[in-house]
Amino acid sequence: MSPDKLFRLLSDPTRLRCVLMLRDETSLCVCELTYALEMSQPKVSRHLAMLREAGLVLDERRGQWVHYRLDPSLPAWALAVLDAAAAGESGAAMREKDKARLAEMESRPSRDFCAA
């Protein structure tokens, strides 16, 4: 992945929020992201598809859910960009709200799946 492609992907606030949630949580299904971000499923899925096609995230079907995670083969420079974005002050409050909403979600598929 080239730097210009990564920065174009991350320039959209929805995609940036999705990527940072995946960075923090390791793996999430679409329903968890829609709940945390308070966005519609089609909107989140459309952005995740763009991230997947670009090679930034991977998807995996687990029963009825599709889980997403960052591609572990991302280069170190790309991970450093994500770390810097996560440390940025401007998005910190939004990230905390997203994480708090996710923590409030009942019957999270990834937690139910892991418990099974």
PDB file of N, CA and C in Angstrom:
ATOM      1  N   MET A   1       0.848  -1.167   0.000  1.00  0.00           N
ATOM      2  CA  MET A   1       0.000   0.000   0.000  1.00  0.00           C
ATOM      3  C   MET A   1       0.896   1.233   0.000  1.00  0.00           C
ATOM      4  N   SER A   2       0.537   2.174  -0.820  1.00  0.00           N
ATOM      5  CA  SER A   2       1.306   3.414  -0.915  1.00  0.00           C
ATOM      6  C   SER A   2       0.800   4.436   0.112  1.00  0.00           C
ATOM      7  N   PRO A   3       1.670   5.357   0.511  1.00  0.00           N
ATOM      8  CA  PRO A   3       1.235   6.384   1.471  1.00  0.00           C
ATOM      9  C   PRO A   3       0.048   7.205   0.965  1.00  0.00           C
ATOM     10  N   ASP A   4       0.064   7.568  -0.326  1.00  0.00           N
ATOM     11  CA  ASP A   4      -1.052   8.385  -0.817  1.00  0.00           C
ATOM     12  C   ASP A   4      -2.373   7.635  -0.732  1.00  0.00           C
ATOM     13  N   LYS A   5      -2.354   6.328  -0.996  1.00  0.00           N
ATOM     14  CA  LYS A   5      -3.575   5.521  -0.895  1.00  0.00           C
ATOM     15  C   LYS A   5      -4.056   5.435   0.554  1.00  0.00           C
ATOM     16  N   LEU A   6      -3.123   5.223   1.475  1.00  0.00           N
ATOM     17  CA  LEU A   6      -3.496   5.151   2.884  1.00  0.00           C
ATOM     18  C   LEU A   6      -4.102   6.472   3.354  1.00  0.00           C
ATOM     19  N   PHE A   7      -3.466   7.581   3.004  1.00  0.00           N
ATOM     20  CA  PHE A   7      -3.978   8.872   3.456  1.00  0.00           C
ATOM     21  C   PHE A   7      -5.323   9.203   2.824  1.00  0.00           C
ATOM     22  N   ARG A   8      -5.541   8.785   1.575  1.00  0.00           N
ATOM     23  CA  ARG A   8      -6.858   8.989   0.959  1.00  0.00           C
ATOM     24  C   ARG A   8      -7.916   8.187   1.696  1.00  0.00           C
ATOM     25  N   LEU A   9      -7.594   6.959   2.059  1.00  0.00           N
ATOM     26  CA  LEU A   9      -8.548   6.130   2.799  1.00  0.00           C
ATOM     27  C   LEU A   9      -8.870   6.728   4.160  1.00  0.00           C
ATOM     28  N   LEU A  10      -7.849   7.198   4.852  1.00  0.00           N
ATOM     29  CA  LEU A  10      -8.033   7.711   6.208  1.00  0.00           C
ATOM     30  C   LEU A  10      -8.579   9.131   6.234  1.00  0.00           C
ATOM     31  N   SER A  11      -8.670   9.772   5.071  1.00  0.00           N
ATOM     32  CA  SER A  11      -9.194  11.139   5.039  1.00  0.00           C
ATOM     33  C   SER A  11     -10.700  11.188   5.303  1.00  0.00           C
ATOM     34  N   ASP A  12     -11.367  10.060   5.154  1.00  0.00           N
ATOM     35  CA  ASP A  12     -12.804  10.007   5.448  1.00  0.00           C
ATOM     36  C   ASP A  12     -12.989   9.697   6.930  1.00  0.00           C
ATOM     37  N   PRO A  13     -13.746  10.519   7.652  1.00  0.00           N
ATOM     38  CA  PRO A  13     -13.916  10.300   9.098  1.00  0.00           C
ATOM     39  C   PRO A  13     -14.504   8.937   9.462  1.00  0.00           C
ATOM     40  N   THR A  14     -15.417   8.431   8.668  1.00  0.00           N
ATOM     41  CA  THR A  14     -16.005   7.115   8.976  1.00  0.00           C
ATOM     42  C   THR A  14     -14.960   6.020   8.845  1.00  0.00           C
ATOM     43  N   ARG A  15     -14.193   6.046   7.772  1.00  0.00           N
ATOM     44  CA  ARG A  15     -13.158   5.021   7.597  1.00  0.00           C
ATOM     45  C   ARG A  15     -12.088   5.135   8.682  1.00  0.00           C
ATOM     46  N   LEU A  16     -11.716   6.360   9.030  1.00  0.00           N
ATOM     47  CA  LEU A  16     -10.718   6.550  10.079  1.00  0.00           C
ATOM     48  C   LEU A  16     -11.231   5.992  11.400  1.00  0.00           C
ATOM     49  N   ARG A  17     -12.475   6.283  11.742  1.00  0.00           N
ATOM     50  CA  ARG A  17     -13.039   5.765  12.988  1.00  0.00           C
ATOM     51  C   ARG A  17     -13.087   4.240  12.986  1.00  0.00           C
ATOM     52  N   CYS A  18     -13.466   3.646  11.856  1.00  0.00           N
ATOM     53  CA  CYS A  18     -13.498   2.179  11.752  1.00  0.00           C
ATOM     54  C   CYS A  18     -12.111   1.593  11.968  1.00  0.00           C
ATOM     55  N   VAL A  19     -11.135   2.151  11.289  1.00  0.00           N
ATOM     56  CA  VAL A  19      -9.764   1.630  11.386  1.00  0.00           C
ATOM     57  C   VAL A  19      -9.238   1.770  12.808  1.00  0.00           C
ATOM     58  N   LEU A  20      -9.490   2.896  13.439  1.00  0.00           N
ATOM     59  CA  LEU A  20      -8.993   3.081  14.802  1.00  0.00           C
ATOM     60  C   LEU A  20      -9.712   2.164  15.792  1.00  0.00           C
ATOM     61  N   MET A  21     -10.995   1.906  15.560  1.00  0.00           N
ATOM     62  CA  MET A  21     -11.699   0.936  16.408  1.00  0.00           C
ATOM     63  C   MET A  21     -11.096  -0.456  16.235  1.00  0.00           C
ATOM     64  N   LEU A  22     -10.803  -0.824  15.001  1.00  0.00           N
ATOM     65  CA  LEU A  22     -10.198  -2.136  14.752  1.00  0.00           C
ATOM     66  C   LEU A  22      -8.800  -2.212  15.352  1.00  0.00           C
ATOM     67  N   ARG A  23      -8.084  -1.125  15.305  1.00  0.00           N
ATOM     68  CA  ARG A  23      -6.745  -1.072  15.913  1.00  0.00           C
ATOM     69  C   ARG A  23      -6.849  -1.324  17.415  1.00  0.00           C
ATOM     70  N   ASP A  24      -7.849  -0.717  18.045  1.00  0.00           N
ATOM     71  CA  ASP A  24      -8.007  -0.836  19.493  1.00  0.00           C
ATOM     72  C   ASP A  24      -8.611  -2.164  19.924  1.00  0.00           C
ATOM     73  N   GLU A  25      -9.525  -2.695  19.129  1.00  0.00           N
ATOM     74  CA  GLU A  25     -10.291  -3.877  19.535  1.00  0.00           C
ATOM     75  C   GLU A  25      -9.826  -5.172  18.875  1.00  0.00           C
ATOM     76  N   THR A  26      -8.926  -5.127  17.954  1.00  0.00           N
ATOM     77  CA  THR A  26      -8.384  -6.259  17.216  1.00  0.00           C
ATOM     78  C   THR A  26      -9.345  -6.787  16.155  1.00  0.00           C
ATOM     79  N   SER A  27     -10.568  -7.147  16.543  1.00  0.00           N
ATOM     80  CA  SER A  27     -11.531  -7.703  15.601  1.00  0.00           C
ATOM     81  C   SER A  27     -12.936  -7.276  16.016  1.00  0.00           C
ATOM     82  N   LEU A  28     -13.715  -6.819  15.024  1.00  0.00           N
ATOM     83  CA  LEU A  28     -15.094  -6.411  15.286  1.00  0.00           C
ATOM     84  C   LEU A  28     -15.976  -6.819  14.123  1.00  0.00           C
ATOM     85  N   CYS A  29     -17.241  -7.107  14.416  1.00  0.00           N
ATOM     86  CA  CYS A  29     -18.186  -7.376  13.343  1.00  0.00           C
ATOM     87  C   CYS A  29     -18.871  -6.062  12.952  1.00  0.00           C
ATOM     88  N   VAL A  30     -19.542  -6.080  11.833  1.00  0.00           N
ATOM     89  CA  VAL A  30     -20.203  -4.881  11.332  1.00  0.00           C
ATOM     90  C   VAL A  30     -21.204  -4.346  12.347  1.00  0.00           C
ATOM     91  N   CYS A  31     -21.952  -5.227  12.982  1.00  0.00           N
ATOM     92  CA  CYS A  31     -22.968  -4.758  13.932  1.00  0.00           C
ATOM     93  C   CYS A  31     -22.327  -4.040  15.117  1.00  0.00           C
ATOM     94  N   GLU A  32     -21.152  -4.465  15.543  1.00  0.00           N
ATOM     95  CA  GLU A  32     -20.466  -3.774  16.631  1.00  0.00           C
ATOM     96  C   GLU A  32     -20.019  -2.382  16.190  1.00  0.00           C
ATOM     97  N   LEU A  33     -19.519  -2.292  14.972  1.00  0.00           N
ATOM     98  CA  LEU A  33     -19.095  -0.987  14.459  1.00  0.00           C
ATOM     99  C   LEU A  33     -20.281  -0.051  14.269  1.00  0.00           C
ATOM    100  N   THR A  34     -21.391  -0.571  13.740  1.00  0.00           N
ATOM    101  CA  THR A  34     -22.559   0.295  13.549  1.00  0.00           C
ATOM    102  C   THR A  34     -23.077   0.797  14.895  1.00  0.00           C
ATOM    103  N   TYR A  35     -23.040  -0.056  15.899  1.00  0.00           N
ATOM    104  CA  TYR A  35     -23.498   0.337  17.240  1.00  0.00           C
ATOM    105  C   TYR A  35     -22.565   1.392  17.823  1.00  0.00           C
ATOM    106  N   ALA A  36     -21.268   1.140  17.776  1.00  0.00           N
ATOM    107  CA  ALA A  36     -20.296   2.054  18.373  1.00  0.00           C
ATOM    108  C   ALA A  36     -20.264   3.404  17.666  1.00  0.00           C
ATOM    109  N   LEU A  37     -20.356   3.391  16.344  1.00  0.00           N
ATOM    110  CA  LEU A  37     -20.252   4.618  15.564  1.00  0.00           C
ATOM    111  C   LEU A  37     -21.594   5.321  15.377  1.00  0.00           C
ATOM    112  N   GLU A  38     -22.675   4.644  15.765  1.00  0.00           N
ATOM    113  CA  GLU A  38     -24.037   5.160  15.591  1.00  0.00           C
ATOM    114  C   GLU A  38     -24.299   5.518  14.126  1.00  0.00           C
ATOM    115  N   MET A  39     -24.024   4.554  13.252  1.00  0.00           N
ATOM    116  CA  MET A  39     -24.225   4.735  11.817  1.00  0.00           C
ATOM    117  C   MET A  39     -24.986   3.535  11.270  1.00  0.00           C
ATOM    118  N   SER A  40     -25.549   3.711  10.092  1.00  0.00           N
ATOM    119  CA  SER A  40     -26.312   2.632   9.478  1.00  0.00           C
ATOM    120  C   SER A  40     -25.386   1.518   8.994  1.00  0.00           C
ATOM    121  N   GLN A  41     -25.928   0.311   8.950  1.00  0.00           N
ATOM    122  CA  GLN A  41     -25.157  -0.846   8.497  1.00  0.00           C
ATOM    123  C   GLN A  41     -24.678  -0.680   7.061  1.00  0.00           C
ATOM    124  N   PRO A  42     -25.523  -0.214   6.128  1.00  0.00           N
ATOM    125  CA  PRO A  42     -25.024  -0.062   4.754  1.00  0.00           C
ATOM    126  C   PRO A  42     -23.847   0.918   4.646  1.00  0.00           C
ATOM    127  N   LYS A  43     -23.905   1.999   5.412  1.00  0.00           N
ATOM    128  CA  LYS A  43     -22.815   2.977   5.356  1.00  0.00           C
ATOM    129  C   LYS A  43     -21.513   2.371   5.879  1.00  0.00           C
ATOM    130  N   VAL A  44     -21.574   1.715   7.022  1.00  0.00           N
ATOM    131  CA  VAL A  44     -20.377   1.103   7.595  1.00  0.00           C
ATOM    132  C   VAL A  44     -19.854   0.003   6.679  1.00  0.00           C
ATOM    133  N   SER A  45     -20.739  -0.825   6.159  1.00  0.00           N
ATOM    134  CA  SER A  45     -20.321  -1.912   5.266  1.00  0.00           C
ATOM    135  C   SER A  45     -19.651  -1.385   3.997  1.00  0.00           C
ATOM    136  N   ARG A  46     -20.180  -0.307   3.468  1.00  0.00           N
ATOM    137  CA  ARG A  46     -19.591   0.296   2.260  1.00  0.00           C
ATOM    138  C   ARG A  46     -18.158   0.760   2.539  1.00  0.00           C
ATOM    139  N   HIS A  47     -17.940   1.396   3.676  1.00  0.00           N
ATOM    140  CA  HIS A  47     -16.601   1.864   4.024  1.00  0.00           C
ATOM    141  C   HIS A  47     -15.663   0.693   4.324  1.00  0.00           C
ATOM    142  N   LEU A  48     -16.171  -0.330   4.988  1.00  0.00           N
ATOM    143  CA  LEU A  48     -15.344  -1.509   5.255  1.00  0.00           C
ATOM    144  C   LEU A  48     -14.950  -2.205   3.959  1.00  0.00           C
ATOM    145  N   ALA A  49     -15.853  -2.233   2.991  1.00  0.00           N
ATOM    146  CA  ALA A  49     -15.532  -2.839   1.694  1.00  0.00           C
ATOM    147  C   ALA A  49     -14.399  -2.076   1.019  1.00  0.00           C
ATOM    148  N   MET A  50     -14.413  -0.766   1.115  1.00  0.00           N
ATOM    149  CA  MET A  50     -13.329   0.039   0.538  1.00  0.00           C
ATOM    150  C   MET A  50     -12.002  -0.263   1.236  1.00  0.00           C
ATOM    151  N   LEU A  51     -12.044  -0.376   2.543  1.00  0.00           N
ATOM    152  CA  LEU A  51     -10.828  -0.684   3.307  1.00  0.00           C
ATOM    153  C   LEU A  51     -10.311  -2.080   2.980  1.00  0.00           C
ATOM    154  N   ARG A  52     -11.234  -3.026   2.800  1.00  0.00           N
ATOM    155  CA  ARG A  52     -10.848  -4.399   2.453  1.00  0.00           C
ATOM    156  C   ARG A  52     -10.231  -4.453   1.054  1.00  0.00           C
ATOM    157  N   GLU A  53     -10.878  -3.801   0.094  1.00  0.00           N
ATOM    158  CA  GLU A  53     -10.374  -3.795  -1.284  1.00  0.00           C
ATOM    159  C   GLU A  53      -8.994  -3.145  -1.380  1.00  0.00           C
ATOM    160  N   ALA A  54      -8.721  -2.186  -0.509  1.00  0.00           N
ATOM    161  CA  ALA A  54      -7.427  -1.505  -0.507  1.00  0.00           C
ATOM    162  C   ALA A  54      -6.349  -2.314   0.219  1.00  0.00           C
ATOM    163  N   GLY A  55      -6.763  -3.358   0.932  1.00  0.00           N
ATOM    164  CA  GLY A  55      -5.802  -4.194   1.640  1.00  0.00           C
ATOM    165  C   GLY A  55      -5.474  -3.733   3.044  1.00  0.00           C
ATOM    166  N   LEU A  56      -6.288  -2.841   3.587  1.00  0.00           N
ATOM    167  CA  LEU A  56      -6.041  -2.349   4.937  1.00  0.00           C
ATOM    168  C   LEU A  56      -6.650  -3.262   5.995  1.00  0.00           C
ATOM    169  N   VAL A  57      -7.788  -3.882   5.676  1.00  0.00           N
ATOM    170  CA  VAL A  57      -8.439  -4.795   6.609  1.00  0.00           C
ATOM    171  C   VAL A  57      -8.723  -6.135   5.931  1.00  0.00           C
ATOM    172  N   LEU A  58      -8.885  -7.137   6.769  1.00  0.00           N
ATOM    173  CA  LEU A  58      -9.275  -8.477   6.320  1.00  0.00           C
ATOM    174  C   LEU A  58     -10.626  -8.798   6.930  1.00  0.00           C
ATOM    175  N   ASP A  59     -11.387  -9.642   6.249  1.00  0.00           N
ATOM    176  CA  ASP A  59     -12.668 -10.066   6.803  1.00  0.00           C
ATOM    177  C   ASP A  59     -12.682 -11.576   6.955  1.00  0.00           C
ATOM    178  N   GLU A  60     -13.522 -12.031   7.889  1.00  0.00           N
ATOM    179  CA  GLU A  60     -13.655 -13.458   8.173  1.00  0.00           C
ATOM    180  C   GLU A  60     -15.076 -13.722   8.621  1.00  0.00           C
ATOM    181  N   ARG A  61     -15.714 -14.692   7.990  1.00  0.00           N
ATOM    182  CA  ARG A  61     -17.081 -15.061   8.391  1.00  0.00           C
ATOM    183  C   ARG A  61     -17.001 -16.000   9.583  1.00  0.00           C
ATOM    184  N   ARG A  62     -17.784 -15.649  10.616  1.00  0.00           N
ATOM    185  CA  ARG A  62     -17.912 -16.485  11.818  1.00  0.00           C
ATOM    186  C   ARG A  62     -19.397 -16.681  12.051  1.00  0.00           C
ATOM    187  N   GLY A  63     -19.908 -17.798  11.608  1.00  0.00           N
ATOM    188  CA  GLY A  63     -21.340 -18.040  11.710  1.00  0.00           C
ATOM    189  C   GLY A  63     -22.087 -17.035  10.851  1.00  0.00           C
ATOM    190  N   GLN A  64     -23.002 -16.303  11.448  1.00  0.00           N
ATOM    191  CA  GLN A  64     -23.790 -15.334  10.687  1.00  0.00           C
ATOM    192  C   GLN A  64     -23.116 -13.970  10.611  1.00  0.00           C
ATOM    193  N   TRP A  65     -21.993 -13.795  11.298  1.00  0.00           N
ATOM    194  CA  TRP A  65     -21.331 -12.492  11.348  1.00  0.00           C
ATOM    195  C   TRP A  65     -20.059 -12.466  10.518  1.00  0.00           C
ATOM    196  N   VAL A  66     -19.769 -11.294   9.988  1.00  0.00           N
ATOM    197  CA  VAL A  66     -18.499 -11.065   9.299  1.00  0.00           C
ATOM    198  C   VAL A  66     -17.683 -10.147  10.197  1.00  0.00           C
ATOM    199  N   HIS A  67     -16.515 -10.631  10.570  1.00  0.00           N
ATOM    200  CA  HIS A  67     -15.625  -9.870  11.449  1.00  0.00           C
ATOM    201  C   HIS A  67     -14.497  -9.271  10.621  1.00  0.00           C
ATOM    202  N   TYR A  68     -14.088  -8.087  11.018  1.00  0.00           N
ATOM    203  CA  TYR A  68     -13.012  -7.368  10.341  1.00  0.00           C
ATOM    204  C   TYR A  68     -11.867  -7.144  11.308  1.00  0.00           C
ATOM    205  N   ARG A  69     -10.666  -7.110  10.746  1.00  0.00           N
ATOM    206  CA  ARG A  69      -9.467  -6.803  11.532  1.00  0.00           C
ATOM    207  C   ARG A  69      -8.456  -6.151  10.613  1.00  0.00           C
ATOM    208  N   LEU A  70      -7.508  -5.437  11.191  1.00  0.00           N
ATOM    209  CA  LEU A  70      -6.445  -4.861  10.386  1.00  0.00           C
ATOM    210  C   LEU A  70      -5.615  -5.986   9.788  1.00  0.00           C
ATOM    211  N   ASP A  71      -5.134  -5.783   8.591  1.00  0.00           N
ATOM    212  CA  ASP A  71      -4.269  -6.773   7.958  1.00  0.00           C
ATOM    213  C   ASP A  71      -2.953  -6.813   8.734  1.00  0.00           C
ATOM    214  N   PRO A  72      -2.590  -7.961   9.295  1.00  0.00           N
ATOM    215  CA  PRO A  72      -1.358  -8.037  10.093  1.00  0.00           C
ATOM    216  C   PRO A  72      -0.081  -7.828   9.262  1.00  0.00           C
ATOM    217  N   SER A  73      -0.203  -7.872   7.947  1.00  0.00           N
ATOM    218  CA  SER A  73       0.987  -7.677   7.108  1.00  0.00           C
ATOM    219  C   SER A  73       1.185  -6.211   6.706  1.00  0.00           C
ATOM    220  N   LEU A  74       0.426  -5.293   7.329  1.00  0.00           N
ATOM    221  CA  LEU A  74       0.624  -3.877   7.025  1.00  0.00           C
ATOM    222  C   LEU A  74       2.064  -3.488   7.352  1.00  0.00           C
ATOM    223  N   PRO A  75       2.649  -2.647   6.523  1.00  0.00           N
ATOM    224  CA  PRO A  75       4.028  -2.228   6.807  1.00  0.00           C
ATOM    225  C   PRO A  75       4.115  -1.388   8.079  1.00  0.00           C
ATOM    226  N   ALA A  76       5.291  -1.366   8.667  1.00  0.00           N
ATOM    227  CA  ALA A  76       5.503  -0.645   9.925  1.00  0.00           C
ATOM    228  C   ALA A  76       5.154   0.833   9.800  1.00  0.00           C
ATOM    229  N   TRP A  77       5.446   1.438   8.657  1.00  0.00           N
ATOM    230  CA  TRP A  77       5.152   2.870   8.489  1.00  0.00           C
ATOM    231  C   TRP A  77       3.639   3.117   8.548  1.00  0.00           C
ATOM    232  N   ALA A  78       2.842   2.177   7.996  1.00  0.00           N
ATOM    233  CA  ALA A  78       1.382   2.345   8.010  1.00  0.00           C
ATOM    234  C   ALA A  78       0.851   2.203   9.440  1.00  0.00           C
ATOM    235  N   LEU A  79       1.405   1.266  10.196  1.00  0.00           N
ATOM    236  CA  LEU A  79       1.005   1.112  11.596  1.00  0.00           C
ATOM    237  C   LEU A  79       1.398   2.341  12.407  1.00  0.00           C
ATOM    238  N   ALA A  80       2.555   2.934  12.084  1.00  0.00           N
ATOM    239  CA  ALA A  80       2.980   4.162  12.767  1.00  0.00           C
ATOM    240  C   ALA A  80       2.014   5.306  12.474  1.00  0.00           C
ATOM    241  N   VAL A  81       1.502   5.371  11.243  1.00  0.00           N
ATOM    242  CA  VAL A  81       0.509   6.391  10.892  1.00  0.00           C
ATOM    243  C   VAL A  81      -0.755   6.190  11.723  1.00  0.00           C
ATOM    244  N   LEU A  82      -1.185   4.942  11.862  1.00  0.00           N
ATOM    245  CA  LEU A  82      -2.386   4.659  12.664  1.00  0.00           C
ATOM    246  C   LEU A  82      -2.156   5.003  14.136  1.00  0.00           C
ATOM    247  N   ASP A  83      -0.967   4.689  14.635  1.00  0.00           N
ATOM    248  CA  ASP A  83      -0.638   5.040  16.016  1.00  0.00           C
ATOM    249  C   ASP A  83      -0.680   6.556  16.209  1.00  0.00           C
ATOM    250  N   ALA A  84      -0.126   7.292  15.247  1.00  0.00           N
ATOM    251  CA  ALA A  84      -0.121   8.752  15.338  1.00  0.00           C
ATOM    252  C   ALA A  84      -1.539   9.305  15.270  1.00  0.00           C
ATOM    253  N   ALA A  85      -2.362   8.721  14.410  1.00  0.00           N
ATOM    254  CA  ALA A  85      -3.755   9.165  14.313  1.00  0.00           C
ATOM    255  C   ALA A  85      -4.497   8.890  15.615  1.00  0.00           C
ATOM    256  N   ALA A  86      -4.226   7.748  16.220  1.00  0.00           N
ATOM    257  CA  ALA A  86      -4.886   7.398  17.479  1.00  0.00           C
ATOM    258  C   ALA A  86      -4.443   8.322  18.609  1.00  0.00           C
ATOM    259  N   ALA A  87      -3.199   8.768  18.563  1.00  0.00           N
ATOM    260  CA  ALA A  87      -2.672   9.645  19.607  1.00  0.00           C
ATOM    261  C   ALA A  87      -3.091  11.093  19.414  1.00  0.00           C
ATOM    262  N   GLY A  88      -3.608  11.422  18.237  1.00  0.00           N
ATOM    263  CA  GLY A  88      -3.994  12.794  17.949  1.00  0.00           C
ATOM    264  C   GLY A  88      -5.084  13.295  18.870  1.00  0.00           C
ATOM    265  N   GLU A  89      -4.938  14.499  19.308  1.00  0.00           N
ATOM    266  CA  GLU A  89      -5.869  15.086  20.272  1.00  0.00           C
ATOM    267  C   GLU A  89      -7.252  15.317  19.689  1.00  0.00           C
ATOM    268  N   SER A  90      -7.328  15.674  18.410  1.00  0.00           N
ATOM    269  CA  SER A  90      -8.620  16.045  17.826  1.00  0.00           C
ATOM    270  C   SER A  90      -9.625  14.898  17.806  1.00  0.00           C
ATOM    271  N   GLY A  91      -9.158  13.676  17.606  1.00  0.00           N
ATOM    272  CA  GLY A  91     -10.077  12.551  17.542  1.00  0.00           C
ATOM    273  C   GLY A  91     -10.203  11.771  18.831  1.00  0.00           C
ATOM    274  N   ALA A  92      -9.442  12.154  19.842  1.00  0.00           N
ATOM    275  CA  ALA A  92      -9.428  11.377  21.085  1.00  0.00           C
ATOM    276  C   ALA A  92     -10.801  11.318  21.756  1.00  0.00           C
ATOM    277  N   ALA A  93     -11.494  12.445  21.795  1.00  0.00           N
ATOM    278  CA  ALA A  93     -12.808  12.462  22.444  1.00  0.00           C
ATOM    279  C   ALA A  93     -13.794  11.574  21.703  1.00  0.00           C
ATOM    280  N   MET A  94     -13.767  11.614  20.363  1.00  0.00           N
ATOM    281  CA  MET A  94     -14.666  10.774  19.573  1.00  0.00           C
ATOM    282  C   MET A  94     -14.338   9.299  19.784  1.00  0.00           C
ATOM    283  N   ARG A  95     -13.057   8.963  19.808  1.00  0.00           N
ATOM    284  CA  ARG A  95     -12.655   7.570  20.030  1.00  0.00           C
ATOM    285  C   ARG A  95     -13.137   7.070  21.389  1.00  0.00           C
ATOM    286  N   GLU A  96     -13.027   7.899  22.401  1.00  0.00           N
ATOM    287  CA  GLU A  96     -13.478   7.497  23.730  1.00  0.00           C
ATOM    288  C   GLU A  96     -14.985   7.265  23.742  1.00  0.00           C
ATOM    289  N   LYS A  97     -15.743   8.114  23.055  1.00  0.00           N
ATOM    290  CA  LYS A  97     -17.196   7.922  22.965  1.00  0.00           C
ATOM    291  C   LYS A  97     -17.516   6.628  22.225  1.00  0.00           C
ATOM    292  N   ASP A  98     -16.811   6.379  21.111  1.00  0.00           N
ATOM    293  CA  ASP A  98     -17.031   5.154  20.341  1.00  0.00           C
ATOM    294  C   ASP A  98     -16.745   3.927  21.203  1.00  0.00           C
ATOM    295  N   LYS A  99     -15.646   3.948  21.930  1.00  0.00           N
ATOM    296  CA  LYS A  99     -15.270   2.816  22.776  1.00  0.00           C
ATOM    297  C   LYS A  99     -16.265   2.629  23.919  1.00  0.00           C
ATOM    298  N   ALA A 100     -16.752   3.732  24.482  1.00  0.00           N
ATOM    299  CA  ALA A 100     -17.730   3.639  25.564  1.00  0.00           C
ATOM    300  C   ALA A 100     -19.040   3.046  25.062  1.00  0.00           C
ATOM    301  N   ARG A 101     -19.491   3.470  23.870  1.00  0.00           N
ATOM    302  CA  ARG A 101     -20.724   2.899  23.301  1.00  0.00           C
ATOM    303  C   ARG A 101     -20.540   1.410  23.047  1.00  0.00           C
ATOM    304  N   LEU A 102     -19.386   1.027  22.514  1.00  0.00           N
ATOM    305  CA  LEU A 102     -19.134  -0.386  22.242  1.00  0.00           C
ATOM    306  C   LEU A 102     -19.179  -1.191  23.537  1.00  0.00           C
ATOM    307  N   ALA A 103     -18.615  -0.657  24.595  1.00  0.00           N
ATOM    308  CA  ALA A 103     -18.608  -1.357  25.886  1.00  0.00           C
ATOM    309  C   ALA A 103     -20.022  -1.555  26.427  1.00  0.00           C
ATOM    310  N   GLU A 104     -20.944  -0.666  26.052  1.00  0.00           N
ATOM    311  CA  GLU A 104     -22.335  -0.757  26.515  1.00  0.00           C
ATOM    312  C   GLU A 104     -23.166  -1.757  25.713  1.00  0.00           C
ATOM    313  N   MET A 105     -22.656  -2.193  24.574  1.00  0.00           N
ATOM    314  CA  MET A 105     -23.428  -3.083  23.694  1.00  0.00           C
ATOM    315  C   MET A 105     -23.628  -4.443  24.351  1.00  0.00           C
ATOM    316  N   GLU A 106     -24.883  -4.845  24.437  1.00  0.00           N
ATOM    317  CA  GLU A 106     -25.208  -6.161  24.992  1.00  0.00           C
ATOM    318  C   GLU A 106     -25.110  -7.216  23.904  1.00  0.00           C
ATOM    319  N   SER A 107     -24.813  -8.432  24.284  1.00  0.00           N
ATOM    320  CA  SER A 107     -24.757  -9.573  23.359  1.00  0.00           C
ATOM    321  C   SER A 107     -23.868  -9.283  22.157  1.00  0.00           C
ATOM    322  N   ARG A 108     -22.643  -8.843  22.436  1.00  0.00           N
ATOM    323  CA  ARG A 108     -21.712  -8.585  21.353  1.00  0.00           C
ATOM    324  C   ARG A 108     -21.321  -9.906  20.680  1.00  0.00           C
ATOM    325  N   PRO A 109     -21.476  -9.991  19.368  1.00  0.00           N
ATOM    326  CA  PRO A 109     -21.164 -11.236  18.660  1.00  0.00           C
ATOM    327  C   PRO A 109     -19.737 -11.725  18.880  1.00  0.00           C
ATOM    328  N   SER A 110     -18.774 -10.829  18.890  1.00  0.00           N
ATOM    329  CA  SER A 110     -17.394 -11.280  19.060  1.00  0.00           C
ATOM    330  C   SER A 110     -17.181 -11.850  20.447  1.00  0.00           C
ATOM    331  N   ARG A 111     -17.859 -11.315  21.446  1.00  0.00           N
ATOM    332  CA  ARG A 111     -17.727 -11.842  22.798  1.00  0.00           C
ATOM    333  C   ARG A 111     -18.495 -13.150  22.921  1.00  0.00           C
ATOM    334  N   ASP A 112     -19.683 -13.216  22.325  1.00  0.00           N
ATOM    335  CA  ASP A 112     -20.464 -14.458  22.353  1.00  0.00           C
ATOM    336  C   ASP A 112     -19.721 -15.551  21.611  1.00  0.00           C
ATOM    337  N   PHE A 113     -19.099 -15.206  20.477  1.00  0.00           N
ATOM    338  CA  PHE A 113     -18.370 -16.185  19.689  1.00  0.00           C
ATOM    339  C   PHE A 113     -17.167 -16.705  20.453  1.00  0.00           C
ATOM    340  N   CYS A 114     -16.474 -15.789  21.109  1.00  0.00           N
ATOM    341  CA  CYS A 114     -15.284 -16.187  21.861  1.00  0.00           C
ATOM    342  C   CYS A 114     -15.652 -17.053  23.065  1.00  0.00           C
ATOM    343  N   ALA A 115     -16.834 -16.815  23.616  1.00  0.00           N
ATOM    344  CA  ALA A 115     -17.265 -17.569  24.789  1.00  0.00           C
ATOM    345  C   ALA A 115     -17.738 -18.984  24.408  1.00  0.00           C
ATOM    346  N   ALA A 116     -18.107 -19.162  23.147  1.00  0.00           N
ATOM    347  CA  ALA A 116     -18.657 -20.459  22.725  1.00  0.00           C
ATOM    348  C   ALA A 116     -17.571 -21.503  22.563  1.00  0.00           C
TER     349      ALA A 116
END
